[in-house]
C-alpha atoms as a PDB file:
ATOM      1  CA  MET A   1     324.174 -22.014 219.956  1.00  0.00           C
ATOM      2  CA  TYR A   2     328.069 -23.178 220.638  1.00  0.00           C
ATOM      3  CA  VAL A   3     330.578 -23.706 223.459  1.00  0.00           C
ATOM      4  CA  ASP A   4     333.288 -21.830 223.146  1.00  0.00           C
ATOM      5  CA  ASN A   5     336.441 -23.625 223.331  1.00  0.00           C
ATOM      6  CA  PRO A   6     339.633 -20.572 224.036  1.00  0.00           C
ATOM      7  CA  GLY A   7     342.204 -21.582 221.434  1.00  0.00           C
ATOM      8  CA  ALA A   8     340.491 -24.681 220.099  1.00  0.00           C
ATOM      9  CA  GLY A   9     337.305 -23.125 217.982  1.00  0.00           C
ATOM     10  CA  TRP A  10     333.841 -23.980 218.611  1.00  0.00           C
ATOM     11  CA  GLN A  11     331.552 -26.735 219.065  1.00  0.00           C
ATOM     12  CA  VAL A  12     327.847 -26.610 218.650  1.00  0.00           C
ATOM     13  CA  GLU A  13     325.684 -30.015 221.126  1.00  0.00           C
ATOM     14  CA  PRO A  14     323.831 -32.001 219.555  1.00  0.00           C
ATOM     15  CA  ASP A  15     320.655 -30.986 221.474  1.00  0.00           C
ATOM     16  CA  GLN A  16     321.507 -27.521 220.083  1.00  0.00           C
ATOM     17  CA  VAL A  17     321.320 -28.520 216.712  1.00  0.00           C
ATOM     18  CA  ARG A  18     317.646 -30.211 217.172  1.00  0.00           C
ATOM     19  CA  GLU A  19     316.231 -27.672 219.062  1.00  0.00           C
ATOM     20  CA  PHE A  20     317.468 -25.102 216.266  1.00  0.00           C
ATOM     21  CA  ALA A  21     315.532 -27.989 213.577  1.00  0.00           C
ATOM     22  CA  ALA A  22     312.284 -28.138 215.621  1.00  0.00           C
ATOM     23  CA  ALA A  23     312.190 -24.128 216.054  1.00  0.00           C
ATOM     24  CA  VAL A  24     312.926 -23.836 211.942  1.00  0.00           C
ATOM     25  CA  GLU A  25     309.755 -26.452 211.328  1.00  0.00           C
ATOM     26  CA  ASP A  26     307.405 -24.079 213.849  1.00  0.00           C
ATOM     27  CA  VAL A  27     308.851 -21.313 211.731  1.00  0.00           C
ATOM     28  CA  ARG A  28     308.226 -23.585 208.376  1.00  0.00           C
ATOM     29  CA  ARG A  29     304.547 -24.131 209.658  1.00  0.00           C
ATOM     30  CA  ASP A  30     304.085 -20.680 210.555  1.00  0.00           C
ATOM     31  CA  LEU A  31     304.860 -19.269 207.175  1.00  0.00           C
ATOM     32  CA  ASP A  32     302.762 -22.277 205.893  1.00  0.00           C
ATOM     33  CA  ALA A  33     299.666 -20.647 207.204  1.00  0.00           C
ATOM     34  CA  ILE A  34     300.270 -17.268 206.168  1.00  0.00           C
ATOM     35  CA  MET A  35     300.569 -18.571 202.621  1.00  0.00           C
ATOM     36  CA  ALA A  36     297.087 -20.537 202.794  1.00  0.00           C
ATOM     37  CA  ASP A  37     295.664 -17.192 204.117  1.00  0.00           C
ATOM     38  CA  VAL A  38     296.948 -15.064 201.325  1.00  0.00           C
ATOM     39  CA  ALA A  39     295.923 -18.219 198.717  1.00  0.00           C
ATOM     40  CA  ALA A  40     292.602 -18.009 200.381  1.00  0.00           C
ATOM     41  CA  LEU A  41     292.686 -13.871 199.997  1.00  0.00           C
ATOM     42  CA  SER A  42     293.691 -14.126 195.929  1.00  0.00           C
ATOM     43  CA  ASP A  43     290.413 -16.442 195.432  1.00  0.00           C
ATOM     44  CA  PRO A  44     289.220 -14.787 192.508  1.00  0.00           C
ATOM     45  CA  GLY A  45     285.693 -14.720 194.668  1.00  0.00           C
ATOM     46  CA  LEU A  46     287.269 -12.534 197.359  1.00  0.00           C
ATOM     47  CA  GLU A  47     288.059  -9.444 195.095  1.00  0.00           C
ATOM     48  CA  PRO A  48     288.094  -6.391 198.027  1.00  0.00           C
ATOM     49  CA  MET A  49     284.671  -4.893 196.503  1.00  0.00           C
ATOM     50  CA  LEU A  50     285.621  -1.080 196.969  1.00  0.00           C
ATOM     51  CA  GLY A  51     282.726   0.369 194.682  1.00  0.00           C
ATOM     52  CA  THR A  52     283.267   1.611 190.527  1.00  0.00           C
ATOM     53  CA  SER A  53     284.561   4.565 190.845  1.00  0.00           C
ATOM     54  CA  PRO A  54     287.709   5.767 190.352  1.00  0.00           C
ATOM     55  CA  VAL A  55     289.456   5.964 193.248  1.00  0.00           C
ATOM     56  CA  GLY A  56     288.001   2.089 194.604  1.00  0.00           C
ATOM     57  CA  GLU A  57     288.829   0.576 191.526  1.00  0.00           C
ATOM     58  CA  GLU A  58     292.149   2.289 191.869  1.00  0.00           C
ATOM     59  CA  LEU A  59     292.659   0.623 195.438  1.00  0.00           C
ATOM     60  CA  SER A  60     291.173  -2.653 194.407  1.00  0.00           C
ATOM     61  CA  ALA A  61     294.202  -3.178 191.747  1.00  0.00           C
ATOM     62  CA  LYS A  62     296.437  -1.619 194.164  1.00  0.00           C
ATOM     63  CA  PHE A  63     295.383  -4.319 196.891  1.00  0.00           C
ATOM     64  CA  THR A  64     295.262  -6.986 194.175  1.00  0.00           C
ATOM     65  CA  ASP A  65     299.074  -5.889 193.159  1.00  0.00           C
ATOM     66  CA  ARG A  66     299.959  -5.475 196.490  1.00  0.00           C
ATOM     67  CA  LEU A  67     298.993  -9.007 196.857  1.00  0.00           C
ATOM     68  CA  SER A  68     300.500 -11.224 193.880  1.00  0.00           C
ATOM     69  CA  GLY A  69     303.264 -11.019 191.497  1.00  0.00           C
ATOM     70  CA  GLU A  70     307.535 -11.014 192.204  1.00  0.00           C
ATOM     71  CA  HIS A  71     307.311  -8.226 194.692  1.00  0.00           C
ATOM     72  CA  GLY A  72     303.663  -8.384 196.132  1.00  0.00           C
ATOM     73  CA  LEU A  73     302.982 -10.174 199.411  1.00  0.00           C
ATOM     74  CA  ARG A  74     302.961 -14.196 197.796  1.00  0.00           C
ATOM     75  CA  GLY A  75     306.083 -13.229 195.814  1.00  0.00           C
ATOM     76  CA  GLN A  76     307.994 -12.348 199.449  1.00  0.00           C
ATOM     77  CA  LEU A  77     306.763 -15.389 201.378  1.00  0.00           C
ATOM     78  CA  GLU A  78     307.940 -17.745 198.161  1.00  0.00           C
ATOM     79  CA  ALA A  79     311.071 -15.784 198.212  1.00  0.00           C
ATOM     80  CA  ALA A  80     311.257 -16.128 202.303  1.00  0.00           C
ATOM     81  CA  LEU A  81     310.181 -20.026 202.350  1.00  0.00           C
ATOM     82  CA  ARG A  82     312.730 -20.604 199.463  1.00  0.00           C
ATOM     83  CA  ARG A  83     315.907 -18.954 201.444  1.00  0.00           C
ATOM     84  CA  MET A  84     315.191 -21.146 204.504  1.00  0.00           C
ATOM     85  CA  ASP A  85     314.864 -24.057 202.444  1.00  0.00           C
ATOM     86  CA  GLU A  86     318.436 -23.213 201.047  1.00  0.00           C
ATOM     87  CA  PHE A  87     319.587 -22.394 204.783  1.00  0.00           C
ATOM     88  CA  VAL A  88     317.936 -25.277 206.118  1.00  0.00           C
ATOM     89  CA  ALA A  89     319.872 -28.136 203.214  1.00  0.00           C
ATOM     90  CA  SER A  90     322.677 -26.296 203.800  1.00  0.00           C
ATOM     91  CA  ALA A  91     322.757 -26.619 207.971  1.00  0.00           C
ATOM     92  CA  GLU A  92     322.172 -30.186 207.223  1.00  0.00           C
ATOM     93  CA  LYS A  93     324.885 -30.772 204.927  1.00  0.00           C
ATOM     94  CA  SER A  94     327.053 -29.052 207.239  1.00  0.00           C
ATOM     95  CA  ALA A  95     326.053 -30.983 209.893  1.00  0.00           C
ATOM     96  CA  GLN A  96     326.649 -34.365 208.472  1.00  0.00           C
ATOM     97  CA  GLY A  97     329.753 -33.171 207.532  1.00  0.00           C
ATOM     98  CA  TYR A  98     330.931 -32.351 211.341  1.00  0.00           C
ATOM     99  CA  GLN A  99     329.178 -35.457 211.913  1.00  0.00           C
ATOM    100  CA  GLY A 100     331.156 -37.776 209.610  1.00  0.00           C
ATOM    101  CA  SER A 101     334.417 -35.615 210.943  1.00  0.00           C
ATOM    102  CA  ASP A 102     334.226 -36.657 214.133  1.00  0.00           C
ATOM    103  CA  GLU A 103     333.504 -40.515 213.593  1.00  0.00           C
ATOM    104  CA  ASN A 104     336.569 -40.328 211.707  1.00  0.00           C
ATOM    105  CA  ALA A 105     338.504 -38.721 214.333  1.00  0.00           C
ATOM    106  CA  ALA A 106     336.545 -40.997 217.021  1.00  0.00           C
ATOM    107  CA  ASP A 107     337.331 -44.153 215.102  1.00  0.00           C
ATOM    108  CA  ARG A 108     341.513 -43.284 215.798  1.00  0.00           C
ATOM    109  CA  PHE A 109     340.900 -43.647 219.577  1.00  0.00           C
ATOM    110  CA  ARG A 110     338.563 -46.821 219.473  1.00  0.00           C
ATOM    111  CA  PHE A 111     340.521 -50.407 220.306  1.00  0.00           C
ATOM    112  CA  THR A 112     339.170 -52.808 218.407  1.00  0.00           C
END
């Protein structure tokens, strides 16, 4: 995703940044869809019905536990979304900094 310039470092092309941003948006939409499915599974009317035996009740409790809570599926998806948002914010801040740096460097070579 970068162009290697030996001795001068590397550079990212604007089209590559746009493609990356579009890919991140695709991942975000997919994760949002998964979150909606997980939320639907958490609906009180959709609890697993595995019988009233101790084994059935234990399996039902396990399913519910694995679905919710900080370490459950919902918590892990929320953490993934949070980390992705933090990464995107950091990438956008870096891109703005690079853009500003490029503009400042270009200004030195412009004739008025």
